[in-house]
Protein backbone atom coordinates (compact mmCIF):
# COMPACT_ATOMS: atom_id res chain seq x y z
CA UNK A 1 10.41 -37.59 42.01
CA UNK A 2 11.16 -38.53 38.33
CA UNK A 3 13.76 -35.62 37.82
CA UNK A 4 15.54 -36.77 41.03
CA UNK A 5 15.79 -40.27 39.70
CA UNK A 6 16.58 -39.11 35.87
CA UNK A 7 20.50 -39.93 36.31
CA UNK A 8 19.29 -43.13 37.41
CA UNK A 9 17.25 -44.27 34.48
CA UNK A 10 20.04 -43.27 32.26
CA UNK A 11 22.79 -45.37 34.22
CA UNK A 12 20.56 -48.26 34.24
CA UNK A 13 19.82 -48.29 30.64
CA UNK A 14 23.33 -47.61 29.94
CA UNK A 15 24.42 -50.68 31.97
CA UNK A 16 21.62 -52.47 30.12
CA UNK A 17 22.85 -51.55 26.76
CA UNK A 18 26.50 -51.97 27.62
CA UNK A 19 25.92 -55.31 28.45
CA UNK A 20 23.59 -56.08 25.43
CA UNK A 21 26.40 -54.71 22.97
CA UNK A 22 28.84 -56.80 24.89
CA UNK A 23 26.55 -59.99 24.17
CA UNK A 24 26.47 -59.08 20.46
CA UNK A 25 30.14 -60.02 20.09
CA UNK A 26 29.02 -63.56 21.44
CA UNK A 27 25.88 -64.48 19.74
CA UNK A 28 26.02 -61.92 16.80
CA UNK A 29 24.79 -58.32 15.93
CA UNK A 30 21.15 -58.76 14.77
CA UNK A 31 20.49 -62.41 16.49
CA UNK A 32 19.25 -63.90 19.72
CA UNK A 33 17.72 -60.54 20.67
CA UNK A 34 15.85 -61.80 23.54
CA UNK A 35 18.66 -63.85 25.01
CA UNK A 36 20.63 -60.64 24.94
CA UNK A 37 18.24 -58.47 26.57
CA UNK A 38 17.71 -61.42 29.41
CA UNK A 39 21.05 -61.59 30.06
CA UNK A 40 21.54 -57.86 30.03
CA UNK A 41 19.36 -57.67 33.06
CA UNK A 42 20.88 -60.60 34.50
CA UNK A 43 24.44 -58.62 34.12
CA UNK A 44 22.77 -55.61 35.91
CA UNK A 45 22.14 -57.55 38.60
CA UNK A 46 25.56 -59.18 39.15
CA UNK A 47 27.22 -55.44 38.49
CA UNK A 48 24.98 -54.11 41.47
CA UNK A 49 25.50 -57.05 43.90
CA UNK A 50 29.36 -57.05 43.33
CA UNK A 51 29.19 -53.23 44.26
CA UNK A 52 26.70 -53.87 47.32
CA UNK A 53 29.43 -56.52 48.87
CA UNK A 54 30.90 -54.09 51.28
CA UNK A 55 27.39 -53.38 52.54
CA UNK A 56 26.75 -57.22 52.92
CA UNK A 57 29.97 -57.20 54.77
CA UNK A 58 28.62 -54.62 56.87
CA UNK A 59 25.40 -56.44 57.39
CA UNK A 60 26.99 -59.51 58.46
CA UNK A 61 29.19 -57.74 61.16
CA UNK A 62 26.02 -56.03 62.50
CA UNK A 63 24.15 -59.06 62.85
CA UNK A 64 26.79 -60.73 64.90
CA UNK A 65 27.27 -57.64 67.01
CA UNK A 66 23.49 -57.58 67.77
CA UNK A 67 23.79 -61.52 68.74
CA UNK A 68 26.58 -60.81 71.31
CA UNK A 69 24.55 -57.65 72.77
CA UNK A 70 21.35 -60.03 73.32
CA UNK A 71 22.23 -60.67 76.96
CA UNK A 72 22.58 -56.87 77.48
CA UNK A 73 19.23 -56.17 75.66
CA UNK A 74 17.61 -58.64 78.04
CA UNK A 75 18.88 -57.11 80.68
CA UNK A 76 17.28 -53.57 79.39
CA UNK A 77 14.03 -55.06 78.48
CA UNK A 78 13.95 -56.78 82.31
CA UNK A 79 14.79 -53.73 84.08
CA UNK A 80 12.37 -51.23 82.16
CA UNK A 81 9.58 -53.77 81.32
CA UNK A 82 7.06 -51.13 82.36
CA UNK A 83 8.59 -48.33 80.68
CA UNK A 84 8.51 -48.48 77.06
CA UNK A 85 10.09 -45.21 76.35
CA UNK A 86 12.95 -45.62 78.57
CA UNK A 87 13.68 -49.27 77.43
CA UNK A 88 13.85 -47.84 73.71
CA UNK A 89 16.21 -44.95 74.84
CA UNK A 90 18.47 -47.64 76.54
CA UNK A 91 18.59 -49.81 73.56
CA UNK A 92 19.02 -46.95 71.34
CA UNK A 93 22.20 -46.20 73.78
CA UNK A 94 23.44 -49.50 73.49
CA UNK A 95 23.53 -49.55 69.76
CA UNK A 96 25.17 -46.31 69.78
CA UNK A 97 28.04 -47.40 72.20
CA UNK A 98 28.79 -50.43 70.11
CA UNK A 99 28.48 -49.17 66.68
CA UNK A 100 25.67 -51.26 65.28
CA UNK A 101 22.28 -51.11 63.79
CA UNK A 102 19.11 -53.27 64.27
CA UNK A 103 17.94 -52.74 61.03
CA UNK A 104 21.33 -53.60 59.04
CA UNK A 105 19.60 -56.74 57.53
CA UNK A 106 17.42 -54.48 55.51
CA UNK A 107 20.65 -52.34 53.85
CA UNK A 108 20.96 -54.37 50.73
CA UNK A 109 17.44 -54.44 50.19
CA UNK A 110 17.17 -50.76 50.81
CA UNK A 111 20.42 -50.00 48.52
CA UNK A 112 18.45 -51.82 45.66
CA UNK A 113 15.23 -50.16 46.14
CA UNK A 114 16.01 -47.06 43.69
CA UNK A 115 17.62 -49.32 41.28
CA UNK A 116 14.53 -51.63 40.95
CA UNK A 117 12.31 -48.53 40.60
CA UNK A 118 14.56 -47.39 37.87
CA UNK A 119 14.56 -50.55 36.00
CA UNK A 120 10.99 -50.87 36.78
CA UNK A 121 10.33 -47.26 35.16
CA UNK A 122 12.73 -47.89 32.19
CA UNK A 123 10.98 -51.27 31.14
CA UNK A 124 7.63 -49.34 31.46
CA UNK A 125 8.87 -46.55 29.05
CA UNK A 126 9.67 -49.37 26.57
CA UNK A 127 6.30 -50.70 26.56
CA UNK A 128 4.54 -47.37 26.42
CA UNK A 129 6.95 -46.51 23.75
CA UNK A 130 8.16 -43.56 26.13
CA UNK A 131 12.16 -44.22 26.31
CA UNK A 132 14.43 -43.25 29.10
CA UNK A 133 18.11 -42.85 28.82
CA UNK A 134 20.13 -44.18 26.02
CA UNK A 135 17.42 -46.79 24.97
CA UNK A 136 16.14 -45.13 21.65
CA UNK A 137 15.67 -45.90 17.93
CA UNK A 138 16.71 -49.08 16.93
CA UNK A 139 17.62 -50.62 20.64
CA UNK A 140 14.19 -49.47 21.46
CA UNK A 141 12.47 -51.45 19.03
CA UNK A 142 14.58 -54.38 19.57
CA UNK A 143 13.95 -54.17 23.21
CA UNK A 144 10.20 -53.84 22.94
CA UNK A 145 10.22 -57.47 20.92
CA UNK A 146 12.49 -59.25 23.28
CA UNK A 147 10.82 -62.01 25.25
CA UNK A 148 11.34 -64.21 27.95
CA UNK A 149 10.01 -67.58 27.16
CA UNK A 150 7.63 -66.17 24.96
CA UNK A 151 6.50 -63.16 27.33
CA UNK A 152 7.57 -59.35 26.31
CA UNK A 153 10.34 -58.19 29.05
CA UNK A 154 8.04 -55.01 29.36
CA UNK A 155 4.56 -56.73 29.83
CA UNK A 156 3.37 -57.31 33.19
CA UNK A 157 0.43 -60.23 34.48
CA UNK A 158 -2.34 -57.30 34.93
CA UNK A 159 -1.57 -55.52 31.54
CA UNK A 160 -0.98 -58.54 29.12
CA UNK A 161 -3.86 -60.58 27.71
CA UNK A 162 -1.55 -63.15 26.62
CA UNK A 163 -1.81 -66.60 28.30
CA UNK A 164 2.07 -67.29 27.85
CA UNK A 165 2.86 -63.61 29.65
CA UNK A 166 0.31 -64.54 32.69
CA UNK A 167 2.12 -68.37 32.83
CA UNK A 168 5.75 -66.82 32.77
CA UNK A 169 5.13 -63.84 35.34
CA UNK A 170 3.21 -66.40 37.58
CA UNK A 171 6.08 -68.92 37.64
CA UNK A 172 8.54 -65.96 38.23
CA UNK A 173 6.32 -64.48 41.20
CA UNK A 174 6.29 -68.07 43.09
CA UNK A 175 10.18 -68.57 42.35
CA UNK A 176 10.87 -65.00 43.66
CA UNK A 177 8.71 -65.73 46.66
CA UNK A 178 10.17 -69.14 47.16
CA UNK A 179 13.43 -68.16 47.21
CA UNK A 180 12.77 -64.99 49.53
CA UNK A 181 11.49 -67.54 51.98
CA UNK A 182 14.23 -70.04 51.39
CA UNK A 183 17.05 -67.39 51.98
CA UNK A 184 15.49 -66.21 55.34
CA UNK A 185 14.99 -69.62 56.51
CA UNK A 186 18.32 -70.49 55.93
CA UNK A 187 19.43 -67.75 58.08
CA UNK A 188 17.09 -68.53 60.84
CA UNK A 189 17.83 -72.20 60.87
CA UNK A 190 21.66 -72.45 60.18
CA UNK A 191 23.05 -68.68 60.69
CA UNK A 192 21.68 -67.49 64.35
CA UNK A 193 22.76 -68.78 67.65
CA UNK A 194 19.92 -70.66 69.49
CA UNK A 195 18.13 -68.47 71.69
CA UNK A 196 14.98 -67.58 73.64
CA UNK A 197 12.44 -65.92 70.58
CA UNK A 198 9.66 -65.13 73.18
CA UNK A 199 11.22 -61.74 74.05
CA UNK A 200 13.79 -61.31 71.15
CA UNK A 201 13.71 -58.26 69.02
CA UNK A 202 16.07 -59.78 66.54
CA UNK A 203 14.49 -62.89 66.32
CA UNK A 204 11.04 -61.43 66.00
CA UNK A 205 12.34 -59.29 63.15
CA UNK A 206 13.61 -62.05 61.42
CA UNK A 207 10.27 -64.06 61.59
CA UNK A 208 8.59 -60.92 60.16
CA UNK A 209 10.61 -60.95 57.10
CA UNK A 210 10.23 -64.56 56.96
CA UNK A 211 6.68 -64.60 56.40
CA UNK A 212 5.89 -60.80 55.35
CA UNK A 213 8.31 -60.41 52.51
CA UNK A 214 7.33 -63.27 50.41
CA UNK A 215 3.64 -62.42 50.74
CA UNK A 216 4.54 -58.64 49.90
CA UNK A 217 6.55 -60.02 46.61
CA UNK A 218 3.61 -62.29 45.86
CA UNK A 219 0.83 -59.47 46.12
CA UNK A 220 2.89 -56.80 44.05
CA UNK A 221 4.44 -59.03 41.62
CA UNK A 222 1.43 -58.85 39.45
CA UNK A 223 2.32 -55.28 38.80
CA UNK A 224 5.77 -56.03 37.93
CA UNK A 225 7.27 -56.27 34.00
CA UNK A 226 8.81 -59.56 33.30
CA UNK A 227 12.22 -57.78 33.18
CA UNK A 228 11.83 -56.64 36.89
CA UNK A 229 10.85 -60.21 37.78
CA UNK A 230 13.85 -61.72 36.28
CA UNK A 231 16.24 -59.08 37.96
CA UNK A 232 14.69 -59.85 41.58
CA UNK A 233 14.73 -63.43 41.02
CA UNK A 234 18.30 -63.41 39.90
CA UNK A 235 19.08 -61.26 43.27
CA UNK A 236 17.45 -63.53 44.97
CA UNK A 237 19.81 -66.31 43.78
CA UNK A 238 22.70 -64.56 44.43
CA UNK A 239 21.75 -63.70 47.94
CA UNK A 240 21.12 -67.29 48.68
CA UNK A 241 24.17 -68.49 47.47
CA UNK A 242 26.26 -65.72 49.33
CA UNK A 243 24.54 -66.25 52.50
CA UNK A 244 25.04 -70.14 51.97
CA UNK A 245 29.08 -69.49 51.30
CA UNK A 246 28.98 -67.01 54.46
CA UNK A 247 27.36 -69.36 56.91
CA UNK A 248 29.37 -72.69 55.57
CA UNK A 249 32.54 -71.22 55.65
CA UNK A 250 32.51 -68.32 58.47
CA UNK A 251 29.36 -68.85 60.30
CA UNK A 252 28.16 -66.82 63.27
CA UNK A 253 29.88 -68.34 66.69
CA UNK A 254 26.86 -70.43 68.57
CA UNK A 255 24.99 -71.04 65.49
CA UNK A 256 23.93 -74.77 64.32
CA UNK A 257 26.35 -73.75 61.41
CA UNK A 258 29.18 -73.11 63.85
CA UNK A 259 28.77 -76.26 65.71
CA UNK A 260 28.75 -78.19 62.36
CA UNK A 261 32.02 -76.87 61.28
CA UNK A 262 33.95 -77.37 64.56
CA UNK A 263 33.05 -80.96 64.59
CA UNK A 264 34.10 -81.21 61.00
CA UNK A 265 37.34 -79.70 61.70
CA UNK A 266 37.88 -81.66 65.03
CA UNK A 267 37.31 -85.02 63.07
CA UNK A 268 39.36 -83.89 60.35
CA UNK A 269 42.21 -83.15 62.47
CA UNK A 270 41.59 -86.26 64.81
CA UNK A 271 40.86 -84.32 67.94
CA UNK A 272 37.32 -84.95 69.69
CA UNK A 273 35.33 -81.73 69.89
CA UNK A 274 34.65 -82.50 73.63
CA UNK A 275 37.25 -83.93 76.01
CA UNK A 276 35.85 -86.09 78.61
CA UNK A 277 37.25 -85.83 82.29
CA UNK A 278 39.58 -88.47 83.34
CA UNK A 279 38.42 -91.31 85.59
CA UNK A 280 40.28 -93.02 88.17
CA UNK A 281 39.15 -96.50 86.94
CA UNK A 282 42.18 -98.32 85.90
CA UNK A 283 41.94 -99.59 82.23
CA UNK A 284 41.10 -103.51 82.11
CA UNK A 285 42.72 -105.19 78.92
CA UNK A 286 40.17 -106.72 76.87
CA UNK A 287 39.73 -110.45 76.70
CA UNK A 288 42.29 -112.60 74.64
CA UNK A 289 44.55 -109.45 74.65
CA UNK A 290 48.29 -110.44 75.79
CA UNK A 291 49.75 -108.51 78.45
CA UNK A 292 53.07 -107.49 78.86
CA UNK A 293 55.26 -109.09 81.52
CA UNK A 294 56.23 -107.15 84.50
CA UNK A 295 59.91 -107.00 85.37
CA UNK A 296 60.53 -108.11 89.08
CA UNK A 297 62.98 -106.32 91.24
CA UNK A 298 66.06 -108.39 92.02
CA UNK A 299 67.05 -108.36 95.69
CA UNK A 300 70.61 -107.28 96.68
């Protein structure tokens, strides 16, 4: 496994070192080392998330395609409610015909998994004096002493007896879990059309992600180095902001955010969002309002 990911270890360490060198032009070559290494990890996040933008767009399109397929999915569930195998076959056939994937919402996370594991390995190598990639010599020594709020970037909650490290890691784990929960809840409350959640696979999948992912991060976070926690917290912030922008600017049709956008656009243009049916009741003038005199027809 290590030999397969070795090129990725090299790429991750090279990106971090490159950002560190670029930041040296701003902060100075041999000063503010902790800030430069922390910002280098954040730079890695920004670079990866920019590369993953096409995948994010594909994720949005797939989610909207699934929303449009909900009536067909309900018909299949109703028709084959006693035959789970046939129901699954028809569902897969439906997805294939419309070129969509119910697991598309997990693609950005799955795509980042190798980067996440590589960064974990690189930081672990720094802590145990077993460098990977281009992190060698003076760069390795500098990275070994780099801190984030007095916590070594390569230290973990379980491996360090230092109280400062434990406080920083707990804070980052709580922040990471909170941003994961907030991002998923924002999608469910604002970005998804209102639908019956009792027998809806997409809604059930979103609920699992809402509650399960934060718990997984909270439990496993005690084994992550501080640098990895910085990486994941930053990528969560990016996801939250990116999703907020999409929901606000280009919401899914039928979602609460879509209705709010249409109402704002109608208010801005001066057109009511809903037009009432005309009635035959004559409009009576208000009290005190002067009526225009009617011109009488002259008799010939």
